[in-house]
N, C-alpha and C. Protein backbone atom coordinates (compact mmCIF):
# COMPACT_ATOMS: atom_id res chain seq x y z
N MET A 1 73.85 98.35 125.57
CA MET A 1 74.87 98.70 124.38
C MET A 1 75.84 99.63 125.11
N GLY A 2 77.04 99.43 124.99
CA GLY A 2 78.06 100.42 125.77
C GLY A 2 78.77 101.36 124.86
N SER A 3 79.43 102.27 125.03
CA SER A 3 80.18 103.04 124.30
C SER A 3 81.79 103.02 124.74
N GLY A 4 82.53 103.54 123.76
CA GLY A 4 83.76 103.31 123.68
C GLY A 4 84.44 104.09 122.43
N ASP A 5 85.79 103.82 122.52
CA ASP A 5 86.36 104.43 121.54
C ASP A 5 87.35 103.36 120.67
N ARG A 6 88.34 103.65 119.91
CA ARG A 6 89.05 102.80 119.16
C ARG A 6 89.91 101.95 119.98
N THR A 7 90.44 103.05 121.07
CA THR A 7 91.40 102.37 121.94
C THR A 7 90.90 101.23 122.87
N ASP A 8 89.66 101.28 123.13
CA ASP A 8 88.71 100.38 124.11
C ASP A 8 88.67 99.08 123.18
N ALA A 9 88.20 99.23 121.76
CA ALA A 9 87.96 98.33 121.01
C ALA A 9 89.30 97.33 120.64
N HIS A 10 90.48 98.29 120.32
CA HIS A 10 91.64 97.48 120.34
C HIS A 10 92.15 96.53 121.56
N SER A 11 92.06 97.18 122.74
CA SER A 11 92.12 96.54 124.02
C SER A 11 91.32 95.41 124.15
N LYS A 12 90.11 95.45 123.93
CA LYS A 12 89.23 94.32 124.10
C LYS A 12 89.54 93.18 122.88
N ILE A 13 89.91 93.37 121.89
CA ILE A 13 90.33 92.51 120.94
C ILE A 13 91.63 91.92 121.41
N ASP A 14 92.57 92.54 121.89
CA ASP A 14 93.85 91.97 122.37
C ASP A 14 93.50 91.18 123.64
N ARG A 15 92.57 91.57 124.33
CA ARG A 15 92.44 90.56 125.72
C ARG A 15 91.65 89.31 125.20
N ILE A 16 90.82 89.35 124.10
CA ILE A 16 90.20 88.07 123.75
C ILE A 16 91.23 87.36 123.06
N ALA A 17 92.11 87.89 122.02
CA ALA A 17 93.35 87.14 121.55
C ALA A 17 94.16 86.39 122.59
N GLU A 18 94.37 87.25 123.75
CA GLU A 18 95.42 86.70 124.58
C GLU A 18 94.58 85.41 125.25
N LYS A 19 93.29 85.57 125.63
CA LYS A 19 92.51 84.49 126.33
C LYS A 19 92.47 83.34 125.42
N ILE A 20 92.34 83.69 124.17
CA ILE A 20 92.38 82.45 123.37
C ILE A 20 93.52 81.72 123.20
N GLU A 21 94.77 82.42 123.05
CA GLU A 21 96.00 81.91 122.97
C GLU A 21 96.43 81.07 124.12
N ASN A 22 96.35 81.84 125.47
CA ASN A 22 96.54 81.25 126.71
C ASN A 22 95.63 80.15 127.46
N GLU A 23 94.44 80.33 126.98
CA GLU A 23 93.46 79.62 128.01
C GLU A 23 92.63 78.60 127.29
N VAL A 24 92.45 78.64 125.84
CA VAL A 24 91.84 77.76 125.06
C VAL A 24 92.69 76.52 124.45
N PRO A 25 92.45 75.45 124.76
CA PRO A 25 93.05 74.17 124.09
C PRO A 25 93.22 74.46 122.74
N GLU A 26 94.46 74.15 121.99
CA GLU A 26 94.82 74.28 120.68
C GLU A 26 93.63 73.72 119.79
N GLU A 27 93.03 72.55 120.12
CA GLU A 27 92.30 72.02 119.29
C GLU A 27 90.76 72.79 119.15
N LEU A 28 90.61 73.76 120.04
CA LEU A 28 89.27 74.67 120.37
C LEU A 28 89.47 75.92 119.69
N ARG A 29 90.64 76.33 119.36
CA ARG A 29 90.97 77.56 119.04
C ARG A 29 90.04 78.22 117.96
N GLU A 30 90.21 77.39 116.98
CA GLU A 30 89.38 77.67 115.62
C GLU A 30 87.87 78.01 115.79
N ARG A 31 87.43 77.06 116.76
CA ARG A 31 85.85 77.20 117.09
C ARG A 31 85.86 78.57 117.96
N ALA A 32 86.89 78.92 118.95
CA ALA A 32 86.79 80.03 119.76
C ALA A 32 87.06 81.35 118.62
N TRP A 33 87.76 81.30 117.68
CA TRP A 33 87.75 82.52 116.72
C TRP A 33 86.67 82.67 115.85
N GLY A 34 85.95 81.56 115.72
CA GLY A 34 84.67 81.46 115.04
C GLY A 34 83.59 82.08 115.74
N LEU A 35 83.47 82.00 117.23
CA LEU A 35 82.78 82.70 117.99
C LEU A 35 82.87 84.33 117.89
N VAL A 36 84.24 84.50 117.93
CA VAL A 36 84.46 85.89 117.75
C VAL A 36 83.90 86.71 116.52
N LEU A 37 84.25 85.77 115.46
CA LEU A 37 83.68 86.19 114.12
C LEU A 37 82.29 86.41 114.18
N ASN A 38 81.41 85.37 114.68
CA ASN A 38 80.13 85.57 114.62
C ASN A 38 79.41 86.68 115.47
N ALA A 39 80.18 86.98 116.45
CA ALA A 39 79.72 88.11 117.28
C ALA A 39 79.88 89.49 116.52
N LEU A 40 80.91 89.51 115.49
CA LEU A 40 81.32 90.80 114.66
C LEU A 40 80.36 90.97 113.58
N TYR A 41 79.80 89.86 113.04
CA TYR A 41 79.10 89.62 111.82
C TYR A 41 78.13 90.92 111.74
N GLY A 42 77.19 91.16 112.76
CA GLY A 42 76.15 92.09 112.76
C GLY A 42 76.54 93.54 112.92
N THR A 43 77.81 93.71 113.30
CA THR A 43 78.35 95.10 113.62
C THR A 43 78.40 96.07 112.39
N PRO A 44 78.78 95.79 111.23
CA PRO A 44 78.61 96.74 110.14
C PRO A 44 77.22 97.23 109.90
N GLN A 45 76.20 96.24 110.07
CA GLN A 45 74.72 96.75 109.97
C GLN A 45 74.39 97.57 111.21
N GLU A 46 74.90 97.15 112.31
CA GLU A 46 74.47 98.22 113.21
C GLU A 46 75.11 99.63 113.30
N ILE A 47 76.34 99.74 112.60
CA ILE A 47 76.87 100.89 112.30
C ILE A 47 76.24 101.61 111.32
N ASP A 48 75.72 100.82 110.24
CA ASP A 48 74.96 101.51 109.17
C ASP A 48 73.62 102.17 109.89
N GLN A 49 73.17 101.41 110.70
CA GLN A 49 71.78 102.14 111.28
C GLN A 49 72.22 103.24 112.26
N LEU A 50 73.20 103.24 112.84
CA LEU A 50 73.85 104.23 113.73
C LEU A 50 74.12 105.53 112.77
N VAL A 51 74.56 105.53 111.83
CA VAL A 51 74.77 106.50 110.91
C VAL A 51 73.52 107.05 110.41
N GLU A 52 72.71 106.03 109.65
CA GLU A 52 71.38 106.39 109.08
C GLU A 52 70.34 107.03 110.26
N GLY A 53 70.50 106.92 111.57
CA GLY A 53 69.76 107.40 112.60
C GLY A 53 70.34 108.80 112.51
N HIS A 54 71.52 109.18 112.39
CA HIS A 54 72.11 110.55 112.69
C HIS A 54 71.88 111.34 111.50
N GLN A 55 71.77 110.99 110.34
CA GLN A 55 71.53 111.61 109.15
C GLN A 55 69.79 111.91 109.09
N GLY A 56 69.59 113.19 108.42
CA GLY A 56 68.46 113.68 108.29
C GLY A 56 67.88 113.01 106.83
N PRO A 57 66.53 113.51 106.34
CA PRO A 57 66.08 112.99 105.26
C PRO A 57 66.90 113.15 103.87
N ASN A 58 67.62 114.23 103.82
CA ASN A 58 68.47 114.37 102.51
C ASN A 58 70.08 113.79 102.87
N ASN A 59 70.26 112.78 103.66
CA ASN A 59 71.47 112.24 103.86
C ASN A 59 72.55 113.41 104.67
N GLU A 60 71.95 114.44 105.32
CA GLU A 60 72.58 115.42 105.84
C GLU A 60 72.50 115.06 107.29
N GLU A 61 73.59 115.55 108.02
CA GLU A 61 73.57 115.26 109.50
C GLU A 61 72.41 116.18 110.25
N THR A 62 71.61 115.30 111.16
CA THR A 62 70.63 116.07 111.96
C THR A 62 71.56 117.26 112.94
N GLU A 63 70.51 118.01 113.08
CA GLU A 63 71.10 119.09 113.98
C GLU A 63 70.76 118.94 115.09
N GLY A 64 72.09 118.90 116.09
CA GLY A 64 72.08 118.66 117.45
C GLY A 64 72.14 120.01 118.09
N PRO A 65 72.17 119.96 119.57
CA PRO A 65 72.14 121.13 120.32
C PRO A 65 73.13 122.08 119.91
N SER A 66 74.30 121.57 119.42
CA SER A 66 75.54 122.54 119.06
C SER A 66 75.29 123.19 117.69
N ALA A 67 74.58 122.75 116.88
CA ALA A 67 74.40 123.12 115.64
C ALA A 67 73.29 124.54 115.64
N LYS A 68 72.64 124.69 116.73
CA LYS A 68 71.69 125.83 116.72
C LYS A 68 72.45 127.17 117.25
N CYS A 69 72.08 128.19 116.60
CA CYS A 69 72.75 129.37 117.01
C CYS A 69 71.82 130.30 117.94
């Protein structure tokens, strides 16, 4: 799994949209966008797991190295 930021995500989505628009025959574009949507369906659950893993037992953020004095 990679890391990135919002700009990276927008850039990747733009490249995918451009590829679909320019390279995928019109009759296949709906299927191509369906593939994109299928890839995104699990993302909210993965984000929830990321957030839950970062929280402690009382829904508080776990202490990282920067939180210690």
